[in-house]
Amino acid sequence: MAAIAHSSLTNSQQLGVRPWLAGRKGLLARFAATLQLWHRRVHERQVLASLSDRELADFGATSADVYGELATPFWRAPPPC
């Protein structure tokens, strides 16, 4: 709605600017980014679960590695390498 401007408000006033709401844009953006990250993790784990032992061996993973990764909740960050 902030993109809508009335002709009487074009010089010095901006439509949709609320100082009490200014910090919430960052909060909403972080929330959306977190949801996107979680969705990507779920998708990557689904793909990982569908790989065969031969495909896992191509990049040096074992089925035990896969089971360990699948047991980790999607909201928990993987350990740093």
PDB file of N, CA and C in Angstrom:
ATOM      1  N   MET A   1       0.800  -1.196   0.000  1.00  0.00           N
ATOM      2  CA  MET A   1       0.000   0.000   0.000  1.00  0.00           C
ATOM      3  C   MET A   1       0.841   1.257   0.000  1.00  0.00           C
ATOM      4  N   ALA A   2       2.104   1.135   0.351  1.00  0.00           N
ATOM      5  CA  ALA A   2       2.958   2.321   0.430  1.00  0.00           C
ATOM      6  C   ALA A   2       3.193   2.927  -0.943  1.00  0.00           C
ATOM      7  N   ALA A   3       2.990   2.165  -2.013  1.00  0.00           N
ATOM      8  CA  ALA A   3       3.234   2.676  -3.353  1.00  0.00           C
ATOM      9  C   ALA A   3       2.098   3.565  -3.830  1.00  0.00           C
ATOM     10  N   ILE A   4       0.945   3.518  -3.184  1.00  0.00           N
ATOM     11  CA  ILE A   4      -0.192   4.340  -3.579  1.00  0.00           C
ATOM     12  C   ILE A   4       0.011   5.746  -3.029  1.00  0.00           C
ATOM     13  N   ALA A   5      -0.089   6.728  -3.905  1.00  0.00           N
ATOM     14  CA  ALA A   5       0.091   8.114  -3.473  1.00  0.00           C
ATOM     15  C   ALA A   5      -1.094   8.954  -3.945  1.00  0.00           C
ATOM     16  N   HIS A   6      -1.582   9.790  -3.089  1.00  0.00           N
ATOM     17  CA  HIS A   6      -2.636  10.731  -3.454  1.00  0.00           C
ATOM     18  C   HIS A   6      -1.978  12.014  -3.909  1.00  0.00           C
ATOM     19  N   SER A   7      -2.631  12.704  -4.814  1.00  0.00           N
ATOM     20  CA  SER A   7      -2.042  13.931  -5.354  1.00  0.00           C
ATOM     21  C   SER A   7      -1.823  14.985  -4.263  1.00  0.00           C
ATOM     22  N   SER A   8      -2.615  14.967  -3.221  1.00  0.00           N
ATOM     23  CA  SER A   8      -2.448  15.958  -2.164  1.00  0.00           C
ATOM     24  C   SER A   8      -1.295  15.616  -1.222  1.00  0.00           C
ATOM     25  N   LEU A   9      -0.720  14.429  -1.308  1.00  0.00           N
ATOM     26  CA  LEU A   9       0.334  14.000  -0.404  1.00  0.00           C
ATOM     27  C   LEU A   9       1.696  13.863  -1.087  1.00  0.00           C
ATOM     28  N   THR A  10       1.833  14.323  -2.295  1.00  0.00           N
ATOM     29  CA  THR A  10       3.055  14.050  -3.046  1.00  0.00           C
ATOM     30  C   THR A  10       4.240  14.934  -2.684  1.00  0.00           C
ATOM     31  N   ASN A  11       4.065  16.114  -2.166  1.00  0.00           N
ATOM     32  CA  ASN A  11       5.190  17.007  -1.926  1.00  0.00           C
ATOM     33  C   ASN A  11       5.997  16.638  -0.694  1.00  0.00           C
ATOM     34  N   SER A  12       5.414  16.677   0.474  1.00  0.00           N
ATOM     35  CA  SER A  12       6.206  16.482   1.675  1.00  0.00           C
ATOM     36  C   SER A  12       5.763  15.306   2.528  1.00  0.00           C
ATOM     37  N   GLN A  13       4.609  14.755   2.263  1.00  0.00           N
ATOM     38  CA  GLN A  13       4.103  13.660   3.066  1.00  0.00           C
ATOM     39  C   GLN A  13       4.174  12.363   2.263  1.00  0.00           C
ATOM     40  N   GLN A  14       4.393  11.280   2.966  1.00  0.00           N
ATOM     41  CA  GLN A  14       4.399   9.971   2.323  1.00  0.00           C
ATOM     42  C   GLN A  14       3.266   9.151   2.893  1.00  0.00           C
ATOM     43  N   LEU A  15       2.561   8.483   2.031  1.00  0.00           N
ATOM     44  CA  LEU A  15       1.467   7.636   2.455  1.00  0.00           C
ATOM     45  C   LEU A  15       2.017   6.292   2.920  1.00  0.00           C
ATOM     46  N   GLY A  16       1.570   5.819   4.044  1.00  0.00           N
ATOM     47  CA  GLY A  16       1.957   4.502   4.514  1.00  0.00           C
ATOM     48  C   GLY A  16       3.167   4.476   5.428  1.00  0.00           C
ATOM     49  N   VAL A  17       3.760   5.594   5.751  1.00  0.00           N
ATOM     50  CA  VAL A  17       4.909   5.609   6.650  1.00  0.00           C
ATOM     51  C   VAL A  17       4.404   5.710   8.081  1.00  0.00           C
ATOM     52  N   ARG A  18       4.722   4.698   8.865  1.00  0.00           N
ATOM     53  CA  ARG A  18       4.305   4.662  10.267  1.00  0.00           C
ATOM     54  C   ARG A  18       5.540   4.386  11.104  1.00  0.00           C
ATOM     55  N   PRO A  19       6.016   5.348  11.884  1.00  0.00           N
ATOM     56  CA  PRO A  19       7.240   5.148  12.658  1.00  0.00           C
ATOM     57  C   PRO A  19       7.151   3.968  13.623  1.00  0.00           C
ATOM     58  N   TRP A  20       6.005   3.692  14.180  1.00  0.00           N
ATOM     59  CA  TRP A  20       5.857   2.596  15.124  1.00  0.00           C
ATOM     60  C   TRP A  20       5.936   1.239  14.439  1.00  0.00           C
ATOM     61  N   LEU A  21       5.836   1.214  13.074  1.00  0.00           N
ATOM     62  CA  LEU A  21       5.875  -0.033  12.332  1.00  0.00           C
ATOM     63  C   LEU A  21       7.204  -0.231  11.610  1.00  0.00           C
ATOM     64  N   ALA A  22       8.116   0.717  11.719  1.00  0.00           N
ATOM     65  CA  ALA A  22       9.355   0.679  10.942  1.00  0.00           C
ATOM     66  C   ALA A  22      10.200  -0.562  11.230  1.00  0.00           C
ATOM     67  N   GLY A  23      10.317  -0.992  12.471  1.00  0.00           N
ATOM     68  CA  GLY A  23      11.129  -2.143  12.818  1.00  0.00           C
ATOM     69  C   GLY A  23      10.525  -3.470  12.410  1.00  0.00           C
ATOM     70  N   ARG A  24       9.264  -3.501  12.099  1.00  0.00           N
ATOM     71  CA  ARG A  24       8.594  -4.755  11.776  1.00  0.00           C
ATOM     72  C   ARG A  24       8.896  -5.228  10.368  1.00  0.00           C
ATOM     73  N   LYS A  25       9.309  -4.353   9.486  1.00  0.00           N
ATOM     74  CA  LYS A  25       9.658  -4.790   8.138  1.00  0.00           C
ATOM     75  C   LYS A  25      10.845  -5.736   8.194  1.00  0.00           C
ATOM     76  N   GLY A  26      11.818  -5.427   9.020  1.00  0.00           N
ATOM     77  CA  GLY A  26      12.966  -6.300   9.173  1.00  0.00           C
ATOM     78  C   GLY A  26      12.576  -7.624   9.809  1.00  0.00           C
ATOM     79  N   LEU A  27      11.680  -7.579  10.749  1.00  0.00           N
ATOM     80  CA  LEU A  27      11.209  -8.793  11.412  1.00  0.00           C
ATOM     81  C   LEU A  27      10.479  -9.686  10.424  1.00  0.00           C
ATOM     82  N   LEU A  28       9.626  -9.105   9.618  1.00  0.00           N
ATOM     83  CA  LEU A  28       8.885  -9.870   8.623  1.00  0.00           C
ATOM     84  C   LEU A  28       9.826 -10.463   7.580  1.00  0.00           C
ATOM     85  N   ALA A  29      10.819  -9.704   7.162  1.00  0.00           N
ATOM     86  CA  ALA A  29      11.788 -10.202   6.184  1.00  0.00           C
ATOM     87  C   ALA A  29      12.600 -11.355   6.759  1.00  0.00           C
ATOM     88  N   ARG A  30      13.008 -11.239   8.029  1.00  0.00           N
ATOM     89  CA  ARG A  30      13.751 -12.339   8.669  1.00  0.00           C
ATOM     90  C   ARG A  30      12.883 -13.575   8.818  1.00  0.00           C
ATOM     91  N   PHE A  31      11.620 -13.389   9.156  1.00  0.00           N
ATOM     92  CA  PHE A  31      10.695 -14.502   9.289  1.00  0.00           C
ATOM     93  C   PHE A  31      10.506 -15.209   7.948  1.00  0.00           C
ATOM     94  N   ALA A  32      10.336 -14.440   6.888  1.00  0.00           N
ATOM     95  CA  ALA A  32      10.176 -15.020   5.547  1.00  0.00           C
ATOM     96  C   ALA A  32      11.446 -15.757   5.123  1.00  0.00           C
ATOM     97  N   ALA A  33      12.608 -15.198   5.420  1.00  0.00           N
ATOM     98  CA  ALA A  33      13.873 -15.851   5.075  1.00  0.00           C
ATOM     99  C   ALA A  33      14.046 -17.154   5.857  1.00  0.00           C
ATOM    100  N   THR A  34      13.623 -17.156   7.109  1.00  0.00           N
ATOM    101  CA  THR A  34      13.713 -18.373   7.918  1.00  0.00           C
ATOM    102  C   THR A  34      12.792 -19.456   7.369  1.00  0.00           C
ATOM    103  N   LEU A  35      11.572 -19.091   7.003  1.00  0.00           N
ATOM    104  CA  LEU A  35      10.657 -20.067   6.406  1.00  0.00           C
ATOM    105  C   LEU A  35      11.205 -20.619   5.099  1.00  0.00           C
ATOM    106  N   GLN A  36      11.819 -19.766   4.300  1.00  0.00           N
ATOM    107  CA  GLN A  36      12.409 -20.207   3.045  1.00  0.00           C
ATOM    108  C   GLN A  36      13.578 -21.164   3.296  1.00  0.00           C
ATOM    109  N   LEU A  37      14.399 -20.871   4.276  1.00  0.00           N
ATOM    110  CA  LEU A  37      15.514 -21.742   4.628  1.00  0.00           C
ATOM    111  C   LEU A  37      15.012 -23.102   5.091  1.00  0.00           C
ATOM    112  N   TRP A  38      14.000 -23.117   5.953  1.00  0.00           N
ATOM    113  CA  TRP A  38      13.441 -24.381   6.432  1.00  0.00           C
ATOM    114  C   TRP A  38      12.866 -25.196   5.281  1.00  0.00           C
ATOM    115  N   HIS A  39      12.184 -24.536   4.375  1.00  0.00           N
ATOM    116  CA  HIS A  39      11.609 -25.228   3.218  1.00  0.00           C
ATOM    117  C   HIS A  39      12.713 -25.831   2.359  1.00  0.00           C
ATOM    118  N   ARG A  40      13.784 -25.094   2.167  1.00  0.00           N
ATOM    119  CA  ARG A  40      14.912 -25.602   1.375  1.00  0.00           C
ATOM    120  C   ARG A  40      15.551 -26.814   2.056  1.00  0.00           C
ATOM    121  N   ARG A  41      15.692 -26.767   3.390  1.00  0.00           N
ATOM    122  CA  ARG A  41      16.262 -27.908   4.109  1.00  0.00           C
ATOM    123  C   ARG A  41      15.388 -29.150   3.963  1.00  0.00           C
ATOM    124  N   VAL A  42      14.077 -28.994   4.079  1.00  0.00           N
ATOM    125  CA  VAL A  42      13.162 -30.122   3.922  1.00  0.00           C
ATOM    126  C   VAL A  42      13.306 -30.715   2.527  1.00  0.00           C
ATOM    127  N   HIS A  43      13.340 -29.857   1.526  1.00  0.00           N
ATOM    128  CA  HIS A  43      13.475 -30.325   0.146  1.00  0.00           C
ATOM    129  C   HIS A  43      14.808 -31.051  -0.066  1.00  0.00           C
ATOM    130  N   GLU A  44      15.897 -30.472   0.424  1.00  0.00           N
ATOM    131  CA  GLU A  44      17.212 -31.100   0.261  1.00  0.00           C
ATOM    132  C   GLU A  44      17.272 -32.459   0.950  1.00  0.00           C
ATOM    133  N   ARG A  45      16.636 -32.578   2.099  1.00  0.00           N
ATOM    134  CA  ARG A  45      16.635 -33.862   2.804  1.00  0.00           C
ATOM    135  C   ARG A  45      15.779 -34.891   2.087  1.00  0.00           C
ATOM    136  N   GLN A  46      14.712 -34.460   1.435  1.00  0.00           N
ATOM    137  CA  GLN A  46      13.909 -35.382   0.638  1.00  0.00           C
ATOM    138  C   GLN A  46      14.727 -35.912  -0.537  1.00  0.00           C
ATOM    139  N   VAL A  47      15.472 -35.034  -1.179  1.00  0.00           N
ATOM    140  CA  VAL A  47      16.321 -35.454  -2.292  1.00  0.00           C
ATOM    141  C   VAL A  47      17.425 -36.373  -1.785  1.00  0.00           C
ATOM    142  N   LEU A  48      18.028 -36.039  -0.664  1.00  0.00           N
ATOM    143  CA  LEU A  48      19.077 -36.865  -0.084  1.00  0.00           C
ATOM    144  C   LEU A  48      18.558 -38.263   0.251  1.00  0.00           C
ATOM    145  N   ALA A  49      17.350 -38.351   0.767  1.00  0.00           N
ATOM    146  CA  ALA A  49      16.765 -39.642   1.118  1.00  0.00           C
ATOM    147  C   ALA A  49      16.496 -40.503  -0.111  1.00  0.00           C
ATOM    148  N   SER A  50      16.334 -39.881  -1.259  1.00  0.00           N
ATOM    149  CA  SER A  50      16.029 -40.633  -2.475  1.00  0.00           C
ATOM    150  C   SER A  50      17.276 -41.129  -3.212  1.00  0.00           C
ATOM    151  N   LEU A  51      18.465 -40.733  -2.777  1.00  0.00           N
ATOM    152  CA  LEU A  51      19.693 -41.142  -3.460  1.00  0.00           C
ATOM    153  C   LEU A  51      20.044 -42.594  -3.150  1.00  0.00           C
ATOM    154  N   SER A  52      20.600 -43.272  -4.141  1.00  0.00           N
ATOM    155  CA  SER A  52      21.041 -44.654  -3.947  1.00  0.00           C
ATOM    156  C   SER A  52      22.416 -44.666  -3.275  1.00  0.00           C
ATOM    157  N   ASP A  53      22.827 -45.859  -2.828  1.00  0.00           N
ATOM    158  CA  ASP A  53      24.148 -45.988  -2.199  1.00  0.00           C
ATOM    159  C   ASP A  53      25.261 -45.601  -3.165  1.00  0.00           C
ATOM    160  N   ARG A  54      25.089 -45.913  -4.416  1.00  0.00           N
ATOM    161  CA  ARG A  54      26.104 -45.560  -5.426  1.00  0.00           C
ATOM    162  C   ARG A  54      26.199 -44.040  -5.594  1.00  0.00           C
ATOM    163  N   GLU A  55      25.049 -43.384  -5.622  1.00  0.00           N
ATOM    164  CA  GLU A  55      25.050 -41.919  -5.743  1.00  0.00           C
ATOM    165  C   GLU A  55      25.651 -41.267  -4.494  1.00  0.00           C
ATOM    166  N   LEU A  56      25.382 -41.838  -3.341  1.00  0.00           N
ATOM    167  CA  LEU A  56      25.977 -41.309  -2.108  1.00  0.00           C
ATOM    168  C   LEU A  56      27.493 -41.481  -2.126  1.00  0.00           C
ATOM    169  N   ALA A  57      27.967 -42.610  -2.635  1.00  0.00           N
ATOM    170  CA  ALA A  57      29.407 -42.872  -2.690  1.00  0.00           C
ATOM    171  C   ALA A  57      30.110 -41.902  -3.632  1.00  0.00           C
ATOM    172  N   ASP A  58      29.395 -41.365  -4.606  1.00  0.00           N
ATOM    173  CA  ASP A  58      29.993 -40.402  -5.548  1.00  0.00           C
ATOM    174  C   ASP A  58      30.517 -39.162  -4.836  1.00  0.00           C
ATOM    175  N   PHE A  59      29.862 -38.756  -3.763  1.00  0.00           N
ATOM    176  CA  PHE A  59      30.365 -37.587  -3.036  1.00  0.00           C
ATOM    177  C   PHE A  59      30.830 -37.925  -1.625  1.00  0.00           C
ATOM    178  N   GLY A  60      31.082 -39.213  -1.390  1.00  0.00           N
ATOM    179  CA  GLY A  60      31.730 -39.629  -0.148  1.00  0.00           C
ATOM    180  C   GLY A  60      30.832 -39.745   1.059  1.00  0.00           C
ATOM    181  N   ALA A  61      29.546 -39.937   0.861  1.00  0.00           N
ATOM    182  CA  ALA A  61      28.615 -40.083   1.975  1.00  0.00           C
ATOM    183  C   ALA A  61      28.197 -41.550   2.095  1.00  0.00           C
ATOM    184  N   THR A  62      27.779 -41.914   3.274  1.00  0.00           N
ATOM    185  CA  THR A  62      27.288 -43.267   3.512  1.00  0.00           C
ATOM    186  C   THR A  62      25.817 -43.185   3.912  1.00  0.00           C
ATOM    187  N   SER A  63      25.180 -44.330   3.959  1.00  0.00           N
ATOM    188  CA  SER A  63      23.782 -44.337   4.378  1.00  0.00           C
ATOM    189  C   SER A  63      23.654 -43.922   5.840  1.00  0.00           C
ATOM    190  N   ALA A  64      24.679 -44.199   6.646  1.00  0.00           N
ATOM    191  CA  ALA A  64      24.665 -43.748   8.046  1.00  0.00           C
ATOM    192  C   ALA A  64      24.688 -42.217   8.123  1.00  0.00           C
ATOM    193  N   ASP A  65      25.451 -41.583   7.231  1.00  0.00           N
ATOM    194  CA  ASP A  65      25.463 -40.117   7.175  1.00  0.00           C
ATOM    195  C   ASP A  65      24.075 -39.580   6.835  1.00  0.00           C
ATOM    196  N   VAL A  66      23.430 -40.254   5.899  1.00  0.00           N
ATOM    197  CA  VAL A  66      22.093 -39.830   5.476  1.00  0.00           C
ATOM    198  C   VAL A  66      21.107 -39.979   6.625  1.00  0.00           C
ATOM    199  N   TYR A  67      21.132 -41.114   7.318  1.00  0.00           N
ATOM    200  CA  TYR A  67      20.219 -41.317   8.441  1.00  0.00           C
ATOM    201  C   TYR A  67      20.460 -40.286   9.540  1.00  0.00           C
ATOM    202  N   GLY A  68      21.702 -39.959   9.771  1.00  0.00           N
ATOM    203  CA  GLY A  68      22.016 -38.932  10.762  1.00  0.00           C
ATOM    204  C   GLY A  68      21.463 -37.572  10.367  1.00  0.00           C
ATOM    205  N   GLU A  69      21.572 -37.242   9.103  1.00  0.00           N
ATOM    206  CA  GLU A  69      21.046 -35.968   8.622  1.00  0.00           C
ATOM    207  C   GLU A  69      19.522 -35.954   8.659  1.00  0.00           C
ATOM    208  N   LEU A  70      18.903 -37.061   8.299  1.00  0.00           N
ATOM    209  CA  LEU A  70      17.442 -37.123   8.295  1.00  0.00           C
ATOM    210  C   LEU A  70      16.860 -37.101   9.704  1.00  0.00           C
ATOM    211  N   ALA A  71      17.630 -37.507  10.686  1.00  0.00           N
ATOM    212  CA  ALA A  71      17.168 -37.486  12.073  1.00  0.00           C
ATOM    213  C   ALA A  71      17.232 -36.094  12.684  1.00  0.00           C
ATOM    214  N   THR A  72      17.946 -35.184  12.045  1.00  0.00           N
ATOM    215  CA  THR A  72      18.072 -33.813  12.543  1.00  0.00           C
ATOM    216  C   THR A  72      16.820 -33.023  12.153  1.00  0.00           C
ATOM    217  N   PRO A  73      16.192 -32.324  13.084  1.00  0.00           N
ATOM    218  CA  PRO A  73      15.016 -31.510  12.740  1.00  0.00           C
ATOM    219  C   PRO A  73      15.384 -30.405  11.751  1.00  0.00           C
ATOM    220  N   PHE A  74      14.449 -30.058  10.891  1.00  0.00           N
ATOM    221  CA  PHE A  74      14.722 -29.069   9.841  1.00  0.00           C
ATOM    222  C   PHE A  74      15.037 -27.698  10.402  1.00  0.00           C
ATOM    223  N   TRP A  75      14.579 -27.394  11.599  1.00  0.00           N
ATOM    224  CA  TRP A  75      14.822 -26.059  12.162  1.00  0.00           C
ATOM    225  C   TRP A  75      16.189 -25.939  12.821  1.00  0.00           C
ATOM    226  N   ARG A  76      16.855 -27.064  13.041  1.00  0.00           N
ATOM    227  CA  ARG A  76      18.177 -27.025  13.672  1.00  0.00           C
ATOM    228  C   ARG A  76      19.247 -26.871  12.593  1.00  0.00           C
ATOM    229  N   ALA A  77      20.128 -25.917  12.793  1.00  0.00           N
ATOM    230  CA  ALA A  77      21.205 -25.676  11.819  1.00  0.00           C
ATOM    231  C   ALA A  77      22.193 -26.817  11.841  1.00  0.00           C
ATOM    232  N   PRO A  78      22.735 -27.178  10.689  1.00  0.00           N
ATOM    233  CA  PRO A  78      23.745 -28.241  10.668  1.00  0.00           C
ATOM    234  C   PRO A  78      25.024 -27.758  11.360  1.00  0.00           C
ATOM    235  N   PRO A  79      25.793 -28.688  11.918  1.00  0.00           N
ATOM    236  CA  PRO A  79      27.038 -28.265  12.586  1.00  0.00           C
ATOM    237  C   PRO A  79      28.020 -27.680  11.583  1.00  0.00           C
ATOM    238  N   PRO A  80      28.804 -26.702  11.994  1.00  0.00           N
ATOM    239  CA  PRO A  80      29.785 -26.109  11.073  1.00  0.00           C
ATOM    240  C   PRO A  80      30.862 -27.114  10.696  1.00  0.00           C
ATOM    241  N   CYS A  81      31.323 -27.008   9.492  1.00  0.00           N
ATOM    242  CA  CYS A  81      32.356 -27.929   8.997  1.00  0.00           C
ATOM    243  C   CYS A  81      33.740 -27.477   9.380  1.00  0.00           C
TER     244      CYS A  81
END
